[in-house]
């Protein structure tokens, strides 16, 4: 059961890292969903996020799916 224990530990670390990355990215005026996703896939990315400076100014807003669909012209 040694392998199963490491898988459970990795899953817990990845989930915790994703949550912390989301909160830290939001506090640093960055895209929280992107950083949370990368924090889940690769937990050490949290260290990189902590080393990055805070973004100044307004956060870039990604268009919603409805807005993207409106830009695409139908054939």
N, C-alpha and C. Protein backbone atom coordinates (compact mmCIF):
# COMPACT_ATOMS: atom_id res chain seq x y z
N UNK A 1 0.81 -1.20 0.00
CA UNK A 1 0.00 0.00 0.00
C UNK A 1 0.85 1.26 0.00
N UNK A 2 2.13 1.12 -0.22
CA UNK A 2 3.00 2.29 -0.25
C UNK A 2 2.69 3.22 -1.40
N UNK A 3 2.40 2.67 -2.59
CA UNK A 3 2.11 3.49 -3.75
C UNK A 3 0.79 4.24 -3.58
N UNK A 4 -0.18 3.58 -3.01
CA UNK A 4 -1.48 4.22 -2.80
C UNK A 4 -1.35 5.40 -1.84
N UNK A 5 -0.53 5.27 -0.84
CA UNK A 5 -0.32 6.36 0.12
C UNK A 5 0.28 7.57 -0.59
N UNK A 6 1.26 7.36 -1.48
CA UNK A 6 1.89 8.48 -2.20
C UNK A 6 0.92 9.13 -3.17
N UNK A 7 0.04 8.35 -3.77
CA UNK A 7 -0.96 8.92 -4.67
C UNK A 7 -1.94 9.81 -3.90
N UNK A 8 -2.35 9.36 -2.74
CA UNK A 8 -3.27 10.15 -1.91
C UNK A 8 -2.58 11.43 -1.43
N UNK A 9 -1.33 11.32 -1.03
CA UNK A 9 -0.59 12.50 -0.59
C UNK A 9 -0.44 13.50 -1.73
N UNK A 10 -0.10 13.00 -2.93
CA UNK A 10 0.06 13.88 -4.10
C UNK A 10 -1.27 14.57 -4.44
N UNK A 11 -2.37 13.82 -4.36
CA UNK A 11 -3.67 14.41 -4.65
C UNK A 11 -4.02 15.51 -3.64
N UNK A 12 -3.71 15.28 -2.38
CA UNK A 12 -3.99 16.28 -1.36
C UNK A 12 -3.12 17.52 -1.56
N UNK A 13 -1.85 17.32 -1.88
CA UNK A 13 -0.94 18.45 -2.11
C UNK A 13 -1.38 19.23 -3.35
N UNK A 14 -1.76 18.53 -4.41
CA UNK A 14 -2.19 19.20 -5.64
C UNK A 14 -3.46 20.01 -5.41
N UNK A 15 -4.41 19.46 -4.68
CA UNK A 15 -5.65 20.18 -4.40
C UNK A 15 -5.40 21.40 -3.53
N UNK A 16 -4.61 21.24 -2.49
CA UNK A 16 -4.28 22.37 -1.63
C UNK A 16 -3.51 23.45 -2.39
N UNK A 17 -2.59 23.04 -3.24
CA UNK A 17 -1.83 23.99 -4.04
C UNK A 17 -2.73 24.76 -4.99
N UNK A 18 -3.70 24.09 -5.60
CA UNK A 18 -4.64 24.77 -6.50
C UNK A 18 -5.45 25.82 -5.76
N UNK A 19 -5.90 25.49 -4.57
CA UNK A 19 -6.69 26.44 -3.79
C UNK A 19 -5.85 27.65 -3.39
N UNK A 20 -4.64 27.40 -2.90
CA UNK A 20 -3.77 28.49 -2.48
C UNK A 20 -3.36 29.35 -3.69
N UNK A 21 -3.06 28.71 -4.82
CA UNK A 21 -2.70 29.46 -6.03
C UNK A 21 -3.84 30.37 -6.47
N UNK A 22 -5.06 29.89 -6.38
CA UNK A 22 -6.20 30.72 -6.76
C UNK A 22 -6.33 31.96 -5.89
N UNK A 23 -6.18 31.80 -4.58
CA UNK A 23 -6.27 32.95 -3.68
C UNK A 23 -5.09 33.91 -3.85
N UNK A 24 -3.89 33.37 -4.00
CA UNK A 24 -2.71 34.23 -4.15
C UNK A 24 -2.76 34.98 -5.48
N UNK A 25 -3.17 34.30 -6.54
CA UNK A 25 -3.26 34.96 -7.84
C UNK A 25 -4.29 36.08 -7.82
N UNK A 26 -5.40 35.84 -7.17
CA UNK A 26 -6.42 36.88 -7.06
C UNK A 26 -5.90 38.07 -6.27
N UNK A 27 -5.15 37.80 -5.20
CA UNK A 27 -4.59 38.89 -4.40
C UNK A 27 -3.52 39.66 -5.16
N UNK A 28 -2.86 39.02 -6.09
CA UNK A 28 -1.81 39.68 -6.87
C UNK A 28 -2.31 40.19 -8.22
N UNK A 29 -3.63 40.24 -8.38
CA UNK A 29 -4.25 40.81 -9.58
C UNK A 29 -3.87 40.01 -10.83
N UNK A 30 -3.91 38.70 -10.72
CA UNK A 30 -3.60 37.82 -11.86
C UNK A 30 -4.79 36.91 -12.11
N UNK A 31 -4.76 36.18 -13.22
CA UNK A 31 -5.85 35.29 -13.61
C UNK A 31 -5.89 34.09 -12.65
N UNK A 32 -6.85 34.09 -11.74
CA UNK A 32 -6.89 33.08 -10.68
C UNK A 32 -7.20 31.69 -11.21
N UNK A 33 -8.07 31.57 -12.20
CA UNK A 33 -8.43 30.24 -12.70
C UNK A 33 -7.26 29.59 -13.42
N UNK A 34 -6.49 30.36 -14.16
CA UNK A 34 -5.33 29.80 -14.86
C UNK A 34 -4.26 29.35 -13.86
N UNK A 35 -3.99 30.17 -12.87
CA UNK A 35 -2.99 29.81 -11.88
C UNK A 35 -3.44 28.65 -11.01
N UNK A 36 -4.73 28.57 -10.71
CA UNK A 36 -5.24 27.44 -9.93
C UNK A 36 -5.11 26.14 -10.72
N UNK A 37 -5.39 26.20 -12.01
CA UNK A 37 -5.26 25.00 -12.84
C UNK A 37 -3.81 24.53 -12.89
N UNK A 38 -2.89 25.47 -13.11
CA UNK A 38 -1.47 25.08 -13.14
C UNK A 38 -0.99 24.65 -11.77
N UNK A 39 -1.54 25.22 -10.72
CA UNK A 39 -1.18 24.80 -9.37
C UNK A 39 -1.62 23.38 -9.07
N UNK A 40 -2.71 22.95 -9.68
CA UNK A 40 -3.16 21.57 -9.50
C UNK A 40 -2.29 20.61 -10.31
N UNK A 41 -1.97 20.97 -11.53
CA UNK A 41 -1.17 20.09 -12.40
C UNK A 41 0.26 20.01 -11.90
N UNK A 42 0.82 21.13 -11.51
CA UNK A 42 2.22 21.20 -11.10
C UNK A 42 2.31 22.05 -9.82
N UNK A 43 2.17 21.44 -8.65
CA UNK A 43 2.12 22.21 -7.40
C UNK A 43 3.30 23.15 -7.14
N UNK A 44 4.54 22.86 -7.57
CA UNK A 44 5.62 23.82 -7.30
C UNK A 44 5.46 25.17 -8.02
N UNK A 45 4.48 25.30 -8.91
CA UNK A 45 4.25 26.58 -9.57
C UNK A 45 3.81 27.65 -8.56
N UNK A 46 3.37 27.23 -7.39
CA UNK A 46 3.02 28.17 -6.33
C UNK A 46 4.23 29.02 -5.93
N UNK A 47 5.39 28.42 -5.93
CA UNK A 47 6.63 29.17 -5.61
C UNK A 47 6.87 30.25 -6.64
N UNK A 48 6.66 29.93 -7.91
CA UNK A 48 6.85 30.92 -8.98
C UNK A 48 5.85 32.06 -8.81
N UNK A 49 4.61 31.72 -8.51
CA UNK A 49 3.58 32.74 -8.31
C UNK A 49 3.93 33.65 -7.15
N UNK A 50 4.48 33.10 -6.09
CA UNK A 50 4.85 33.92 -4.94
C UNK A 50 6.03 34.84 -5.25
N UNK A 51 6.87 34.45 -6.20
CA UNK A 51 8.02 35.28 -6.57
C UNK A 51 7.66 36.39 -7.56
N UNK A 52 6.55 36.25 -8.27
CA UNK A 52 6.15 37.26 -9.25
C UNK A 52 5.63 38.51 -8.54
N UNK A 53 5.90 39.68 -9.11
CA UNK A 53 5.37 40.90 -8.51
C UNK A 53 3.87 41.05 -8.77
N UNK A 54 3.25 41.92 -8.02
CA UNK A 54 1.83 42.18 -8.19
C UNK A 54 1.61 42.98 -9.47
N UNK A 55 0.57 42.64 -10.23
CA UNK A 55 0.22 43.40 -11.43
C UNK A 55 -0.40 44.72 -11.02
N UNK A 56 0.00 45.77 -11.70
CA UNK A 56 -0.56 47.10 -11.46
C UNK A 56 -1.67 47.35 -12.47
N UNK A 57 -2.60 48.19 -12.12
CA UNK A 57 -3.67 48.54 -13.05
C UNK A 57 -4.80 47.53 -13.06
N UNK A 58 -5.60 47.60 -14.10
CA UNK A 58 -6.76 46.74 -14.21
C UNK A 58 -6.38 45.35 -14.70
N UNK A 59 -7.12 44.38 -14.23
CA UNK A 59 -6.93 43.00 -14.67
C UNK A 59 -7.57 42.84 -16.04
N UNK A 60 -6.88 42.15 -16.95
CA UNK A 60 -7.42 41.91 -18.28
C UNK A 60 -8.60 40.95 -18.16
N UNK A 61 -9.70 41.30 -18.78
CA UNK A 61 -10.92 40.50 -18.70
C UNK A 61 -10.99 39.60 -19.93
N UNK A 62 -11.11 38.31 -19.70
CA UNK A 62 -11.27 37.37 -20.80
C UNK A 62 -12.72 37.39 -21.25
N UNK A 63 -12.95 37.30 -22.57
CA UNK A 63 -14.34 37.29 -23.04
C UNK A 63 -15.04 36.00 -22.63
N UNK A 64 -16.36 36.10 -22.40
CA UNK A 64 -17.13 34.91 -22.06
C UNK A 64 -17.33 34.06 -23.31
N UNK A 65 -17.83 32.86 -23.12
CA UNK A 65 -18.06 31.98 -24.26
C UNK A 65 -19.11 32.56 -25.20
N UNK A 66 -20.10 33.23 -24.66
CA UNK A 66 -21.12 33.85 -25.51
C UNK A 66 -20.53 34.96 -26.36
N UNK A 67 -19.63 35.75 -25.77
CA UNK A 67 -19.00 36.82 -26.55
C UNK A 67 -18.08 36.26 -27.62
N UNK A 68 -17.38 35.18 -27.32
CA UNK A 68 -16.54 34.55 -28.33
C UNK A 68 -17.36 33.98 -29.46
N UNK A 69 -18.51 33.38 -29.14
CA UNK A 69 -19.37 32.82 -30.18
C UNK A 69 -19.93 33.93 -31.07
N UNK A 70 -20.17 35.09 -30.51
CA UNK A 70 -20.70 36.20 -31.29
C UNK A 70 -19.67 36.74 -32.27
N UNK A 71 -18.39 36.58 -31.98
CA UNK A 71 -17.33 37.05 -32.88
C UNK A 71 -17.14 36.15 -34.08
N UNK A 72 -17.45 34.87 -33.92
CA UNK A 72 -17.25 33.90 -34.99
C UNK A 72 -18.41 34.03 -35.98
N UNK A 73 -18.08 34.22 -37.23
CA UNK A 73 -19.12 34.35 -38.25
C UNK A 73 -19.58 32.98 -38.68
N UNK A 74 -20.87 32.83 -38.82
CA UNK A 74 -21.42 31.56 -39.29
C UNK A 74 -21.21 31.43 -40.80
N UNK A 75 -20.92 30.23 -41.28
CA UNK A 75 -20.70 30.05 -42.73
C UNK A 75 -21.95 30.23 -43.54
